[in-house]
């Protein structure tokens, strides 16, 4: 099993929209990727919540059966298609993959 965690910090304004609108769009786009790989075990997309500590705005916390399943997700055309949007609206990105 592999855990794949990605966190993004968003710009205040980008792509003609404010941070809240871009976060909502990114969350929907990522959420739609939950079933792209048959080896997906867990796929959670969440926004930072007011009143709780957070240094980033959006997180993907996912688990895959193996490296091939993670690669199938990462290389899927639907996932690849959302990267330009997220790349344009993010200020920073952190990622970590590790074996469970």
N, C-alpha and C. Protein backbone atom coordinates (compact mmCIF):
# COMPACT_ATOMS: atom_id res chain seq x y z
N UNK A 1 0.84 -1.19 0.00
CA UNK A 1 0.00 0.00 0.00
C UNK A 1 0.88 1.24 0.00
N UNK A 2 0.43 2.24 -0.73
CA UNK A 2 1.12 3.52 -0.78
C UNK A 2 0.17 4.64 -0.37
N UNK A 3 0.66 5.54 0.45
CA UNK A 3 -0.11 6.74 0.77
C UNK A 3 0.46 7.88 -0.06
N UNK A 4 -0.44 8.67 -0.64
CA UNK A 4 -0.08 9.81 -1.50
C UNK A 4 -0.78 11.03 -0.92
N UNK A 5 0.01 11.97 -0.39
CA UNK A 5 -0.54 13.18 0.21
C UNK A 5 -0.01 14.38 -0.55
N UNK A 6 -0.92 15.26 -0.95
CA UNK A 6 -0.53 16.49 -1.64
C UNK A 6 -1.27 17.64 -0.96
N UNK A 7 -0.55 18.75 -0.72
CA UNK A 7 -1.16 19.94 -0.13
C UNK A 7 -0.84 21.13 -1.01
N UNK A 8 -1.82 22.02 -1.16
CA UNK A 8 -1.64 23.22 -1.97
C UNK A 8 -2.01 24.46 -1.17
N UNK A 9 -1.26 25.51 -1.40
CA UNK A 9 -1.59 26.85 -0.90
C UNK A 9 -1.97 27.65 -2.14
N UNK A 10 -3.12 28.30 -2.10
CA UNK A 10 -3.64 29.00 -3.27
C UNK A 10 -3.36 30.49 -3.24
N UNK A 11 -3.27 31.08 -4.43
CA UNK A 11 -3.13 32.53 -4.60
C UNK A 11 -4.46 33.19 -4.24
N UNK A 12 -4.41 34.44 -3.81
CA UNK A 12 -5.62 35.18 -3.46
C UNK A 12 -6.52 35.41 -4.68
N UNK A 13 -5.90 35.66 -5.84
CA UNK A 13 -6.62 35.83 -7.10
C UNK A 13 -5.80 35.19 -8.21
N UNK A 14 -6.47 34.44 -9.08
CA UNK A 14 -5.80 33.82 -10.23
C UNK A 14 -6.85 33.35 -11.22
N UNK A 15 -6.49 33.33 -12.46
CA UNK A 15 -7.39 32.82 -13.50
C UNK A 15 -8.74 33.52 -13.48
N UNK A 16 -8.75 34.81 -13.13
CA UNK A 16 -9.98 35.60 -13.13
C UNK A 16 -10.94 35.32 -12.00
N UNK A 17 -10.48 34.64 -10.97
CA UNK A 17 -11.36 34.29 -9.85
C UNK A 17 -10.64 34.49 -8.53
N UNK A 18 -11.42 34.56 -7.46
CA UNK A 18 -10.81 34.70 -6.14
C UNK A 18 -10.44 33.32 -5.59
N UNK A 19 -9.74 33.34 -4.48
CA UNK A 19 -9.25 32.12 -3.85
C UNK A 19 -10.37 31.13 -3.54
N UNK A 20 -11.47 31.60 -2.99
CA UNK A 20 -12.57 30.70 -2.61
C UNK A 20 -13.14 29.99 -3.84
N UNK A 21 -13.32 30.70 -4.92
CA UNK A 21 -13.87 30.09 -6.14
C UNK A 21 -12.89 29.07 -6.72
N UNK A 22 -11.61 29.41 -6.72
CA UNK A 22 -10.62 28.48 -7.25
C UNK A 22 -10.47 27.25 -6.37
N UNK A 23 -10.58 27.42 -5.07
CA UNK A 23 -10.54 26.26 -4.17
C UNK A 23 -11.73 25.34 -4.41
N UNK A 24 -12.90 25.91 -4.57
CA UNK A 24 -14.10 25.09 -4.83
C UNK A 24 -13.96 24.32 -6.14
N UNK A 25 -13.46 24.99 -7.17
CA UNK A 25 -13.27 24.32 -8.46
C UNK A 25 -12.23 23.21 -8.37
N UNK A 26 -11.11 23.51 -7.72
CA UNK A 26 -10.05 22.50 -7.58
C UNK A 26 -10.54 21.29 -6.78
N UNK A 27 -11.29 21.54 -5.72
CA UNK A 27 -11.82 20.44 -4.90
C UNK A 27 -12.74 19.55 -5.74
N UNK A 28 -13.59 20.17 -6.55
CA UNK A 28 -14.50 19.40 -7.41
C UNK A 28 -13.72 18.60 -8.46
N UNK A 29 -12.74 19.24 -9.09
CA UNK A 29 -11.93 18.55 -10.11
C UNK A 29 -11.19 17.36 -9.51
N UNK A 30 -10.57 17.57 -8.35
CA UNK A 30 -9.86 16.47 -7.70
C UNK A 30 -10.81 15.38 -7.24
N UNK A 31 -11.92 15.76 -6.66
CA UNK A 31 -12.90 14.78 -6.20
C UNK A 31 -13.40 13.88 -7.31
N UNK A 32 -13.49 14.44 -8.51
CA UNK A 32 -13.95 13.66 -9.67
C UNK A 32 -12.91 12.62 -10.10
N UNK A 33 -11.71 12.68 -9.54
CA UNK A 33 -10.65 11.73 -9.88
C UNK A 33 -10.61 10.51 -8.96
N UNK A 34 -11.52 10.44 -8.02
CA UNK A 34 -11.48 9.40 -6.98
C UNK A 34 -11.54 7.98 -7.52
N UNK A 35 -12.13 7.77 -8.67
CA UNK A 35 -12.29 6.40 -9.19
C UNK A 35 -11.49 6.15 -10.46
N UNK A 36 -10.49 6.95 -10.73
CA UNK A 36 -9.72 6.80 -11.97
C UNK A 36 -8.86 5.55 -11.99
N UNK A 37 -8.39 5.11 -10.85
CA UNK A 37 -7.55 3.92 -10.77
C UNK A 37 -8.27 2.84 -9.98
N UNK A 38 -8.38 1.62 -10.53
CA UNK A 38 -9.04 0.56 -9.78
C UNK A 38 -8.31 0.20 -8.49
N UNK A 39 -7.05 0.64 -8.35
CA UNK A 39 -6.28 0.35 -7.15
C UNK A 39 -6.39 1.43 -6.09
N UNK A 40 -7.34 2.34 -6.23
CA UNK A 40 -7.53 3.38 -5.23
C UNK A 40 -8.27 2.81 -4.03
N UNK A 41 -7.68 2.93 -2.87
CA UNK A 41 -8.27 2.41 -1.64
C UNK A 41 -8.95 3.54 -0.86
N UNK A 42 -8.32 4.70 -0.85
CA UNK A 42 -8.85 5.86 -0.12
C UNK A 42 -8.55 7.11 -0.95
N UNK A 43 -9.49 8.05 -0.98
CA UNK A 43 -9.30 9.27 -1.75
C UNK A 43 -10.10 10.37 -1.08
N UNK A 44 -9.42 11.19 -0.31
CA UNK A 44 -10.08 12.25 0.46
C UNK A 44 -9.52 13.60 0.04
N UNK A 45 -10.42 14.50 -0.35
CA UNK A 45 -10.05 15.86 -0.71
C UNK A 45 -10.73 16.78 0.30
N UNK A 46 -9.96 17.68 0.92
CA UNK A 46 -10.54 18.55 1.95
C UNK A 46 -9.95 19.94 1.87
N UNK A 47 -10.78 20.91 2.27
CA UNK A 47 -10.36 22.30 2.37
C UNK A 47 -10.02 22.63 3.82
N UNK A 48 -9.12 23.58 4.01
CA UNK A 48 -8.82 24.06 5.36
C UNK A 48 -10.11 24.61 5.96
N UNK A 49 -10.31 24.37 7.24
CA UNK A 49 -11.54 24.78 7.90
C UNK A 49 -11.26 25.90 8.89
N UNK A 50 -12.09 26.94 8.86
CA UNK A 50 -11.91 28.05 9.81
C UNK A 50 -11.94 27.54 11.25
N UNK A 51 -11.05 28.09 12.05
CA UNK A 51 -10.99 27.71 13.46
C UNK A 51 -10.09 26.53 13.75
N UNK A 52 -9.62 25.84 12.70
CA UNK A 52 -8.70 24.71 12.88
C UNK A 52 -7.36 25.08 12.25
N UNK A 53 -6.30 24.61 12.85
CA UNK A 53 -4.96 24.96 12.35
C UNK A 53 -4.73 24.39 10.96
N UNK A 54 -4.21 25.24 10.07
CA UNK A 54 -3.87 24.81 8.72
C UNK A 54 -2.90 25.81 8.11
N UNK A 55 -1.86 25.31 7.51
CA UNK A 55 -0.91 26.18 6.83
C UNK A 55 -1.08 26.08 5.31
N UNK A 56 -1.91 25.17 4.86
CA UNK A 56 -2.22 25.02 3.43
C UNK A 56 -3.74 25.05 3.28
N UNK A 57 -4.19 25.25 2.04
CA UNK A 57 -5.62 25.47 1.77
C UNK A 57 -6.38 24.22 1.34
N UNK A 58 -5.71 23.31 0.67
CA UNK A 58 -6.37 22.13 0.09
C UNK A 58 -5.46 20.94 0.26
N UNK A 59 -6.05 19.79 0.58
CA UNK A 59 -5.25 18.57 0.75
C UNK A 59 -5.91 17.41 0.02
N UNK A 60 -5.06 16.56 -0.54
CA UNK A 60 -5.48 15.27 -1.07
C UNK A 60 -4.76 14.23 -0.23
N UNK A 61 -5.52 13.37 0.43
CA UNK A 61 -4.98 12.29 1.25
C UNK A 61 -5.51 11.00 0.63
N UNK A 62 -4.64 10.24 -0.02
CA UNK A 62 -5.11 9.07 -0.76
C UNK A 62 -4.21 7.87 -0.51
N UNK A 63 -4.78 6.70 -0.75
CA UNK A 63 -4.03 5.44 -0.62
C UNK A 63 -4.29 4.59 -1.85
N UNK A 64 -3.23 3.92 -2.29
CA UNK A 64 -3.30 3.06 -3.47
C UNK A 64 -2.71 1.70 -3.13
N UNK A 65 -3.19 0.67 -3.80
CA UNK A 65 -2.74 -0.68 -3.51
C UNK A 65 -1.25 -0.86 -3.76
N UNK A 66 -0.72 -0.16 -4.76
CA UNK A 66 0.70 -0.29 -5.10
C UNK A 66 1.12 0.86 -6.01
N UNK A 67 2.40 0.86 -6.37
CA UNK A 67 2.94 1.93 -7.21
C UNK A 67 2.27 1.98 -8.58
N UNK A 68 1.89 0.83 -9.11
CA UNK A 68 1.22 0.80 -10.42
C UNK A 68 -0.15 1.49 -10.35
N UNK A 69 -0.85 1.31 -9.26
CA UNK A 69 -2.16 1.95 -9.09
C UNK A 69 -2.00 3.46 -8.96
N UNK A 70 -0.98 3.90 -8.22
CA UNK A 70 -0.72 5.34 -8.10
C UNK A 70 -0.33 5.91 -9.46
N UNK A 71 0.48 5.20 -10.21
CA UNK A 71 0.87 5.66 -11.54
C UNK A 71 -0.33 5.73 -12.48
N UNK A 72 -1.24 4.77 -12.38
CA UNK A 72 -2.45 4.79 -13.22
C UNK A 72 -3.27 6.03 -12.93
N UNK A 73 -3.38 6.40 -11.66
CA UNK A 73 -4.08 7.63 -11.28
C UNK A 73 -3.33 8.85 -11.82
N UNK A 74 -2.04 8.91 -11.56
CA UNK A 74 -1.24 10.08 -11.93
C UNK A 74 -1.20 10.32 -13.44
N UNK A 75 -1.22 9.25 -14.21
CA UNK A 75 -1.11 9.35 -15.66
C UNK A 75 -2.45 9.37 -16.38
N UNK A 76 -3.54 9.24 -15.64
CA UNK A 76 -4.86 9.22 -16.27
C UNK A 76 -5.13 10.58 -16.92
N UNK A 77 -5.68 10.60 -18.15
CA UNK A 77 -5.92 11.86 -18.85
C UNK A 77 -6.78 12.86 -18.06
N UNK A 78 -7.74 12.40 -17.29
CA UNK A 78 -8.56 13.31 -16.50
C UNK A 78 -7.74 14.00 -15.41
N UNK A 79 -6.84 13.26 -14.79
CA UNK A 79 -5.96 13.84 -13.78
C UNK A 79 -4.96 14.80 -14.42
N UNK A 80 -4.36 14.38 -15.52
CA UNK A 80 -3.40 15.22 -16.23
C UNK A 80 -4.06 16.53 -16.67
N UNK A 81 -5.32 16.48 -17.07
CA UNK A 81 -6.02 17.67 -17.57
C UNK A 81 -6.25 18.73 -16.50
N UNK A 82 -6.32 18.36 -15.24
CA UNK A 82 -6.56 19.37 -14.19
C UNK A 82 -5.28 20.06 -13.73
N UNK A 83 -4.13 19.51 -14.07
CA UNK A 83 -2.86 20.06 -13.60
C UNK A 83 -2.61 21.50 -14.06
N UNK A 84 -2.91 21.88 -15.30
CA UNK A 84 -2.66 23.28 -15.68
C UNK A 84 -3.47 24.28 -14.85
N UNK A 85 -4.73 23.94 -14.54
CA UNK A 85 -5.53 24.85 -13.73
C UNK A 85 -4.95 24.98 -12.33
N UNK A 86 -4.69 23.85 -11.69
CA UNK A 86 -4.16 23.91 -10.32
C UNK A 86 -2.79 24.58 -10.31
N UNK A 87 -1.99 24.32 -11.31
CA UNK A 87 -0.69 24.98 -11.40
C UNK A 87 -0.80 26.49 -11.51
N UNK A 88 -1.83 26.97 -12.17
CA UNK A 88 -2.02 28.41 -12.36
C UNK A 88 -2.56 29.11 -11.12
N UNK A 89 -3.30 28.39 -10.27
CA UNK A 89 -3.94 29.03 -9.12
C UNK A 89 -3.21 28.78 -7.80
N UNK A 90 -2.24 27.92 -7.81
CA UNK A 90 -1.53 27.61 -6.57
C UNK A 90 -0.33 28.51 -6.38
N UNK A 91 -0.06 28.75 -5.12
CA UNK A 91 1.13 29.50 -4.73
C UNK A 91 2.25 28.54 -4.34
N UNK A 92 1.87 27.41 -3.74
CA UNK A 92 2.85 26.42 -3.29
C UNK A 92 2.21 25.05 -3.29
N UNK A 93 3.07 24.03 -3.39
CA UNK A 93 2.60 22.64 -3.38
C UNK A 93 3.61 21.81 -2.60
N UNK A 94 3.10 20.88 -1.80
CA UNK A 94 3.93 19.91 -1.09
C UNK A 94 3.35 18.53 -1.36
N UNK A 95 4.22 17.55 -1.50
CA UNK A 95 3.76 16.19 -1.77
C UNK A 95 4.65 15.20 -1.03
N UNK A 96 4.02 14.10 -0.60
CA UNK A 96 4.79 13.02 0.00
C UNK A 96 4.07 11.70 -0.28
N UNK A 97 4.84 10.73 -0.77
CA UNK A 97 4.36 9.37 -0.97
C UNK A 97 5.18 8.47 -0.05
N UNK A 98 4.51 7.51 0.57
CA UNK A 98 5.24 6.56 1.40
C UNK A 98 4.49 5.24 1.49
N UNK A 99 5.24 4.17 1.77
CA UNK A 99 4.65 2.84 1.90
C UNK A 99 4.04 2.67 3.27
N UNK A 100 2.91 2.00 3.30
CA UNK A 100 2.23 1.70 4.56
C UNK A 100 2.62 0.30 5.03
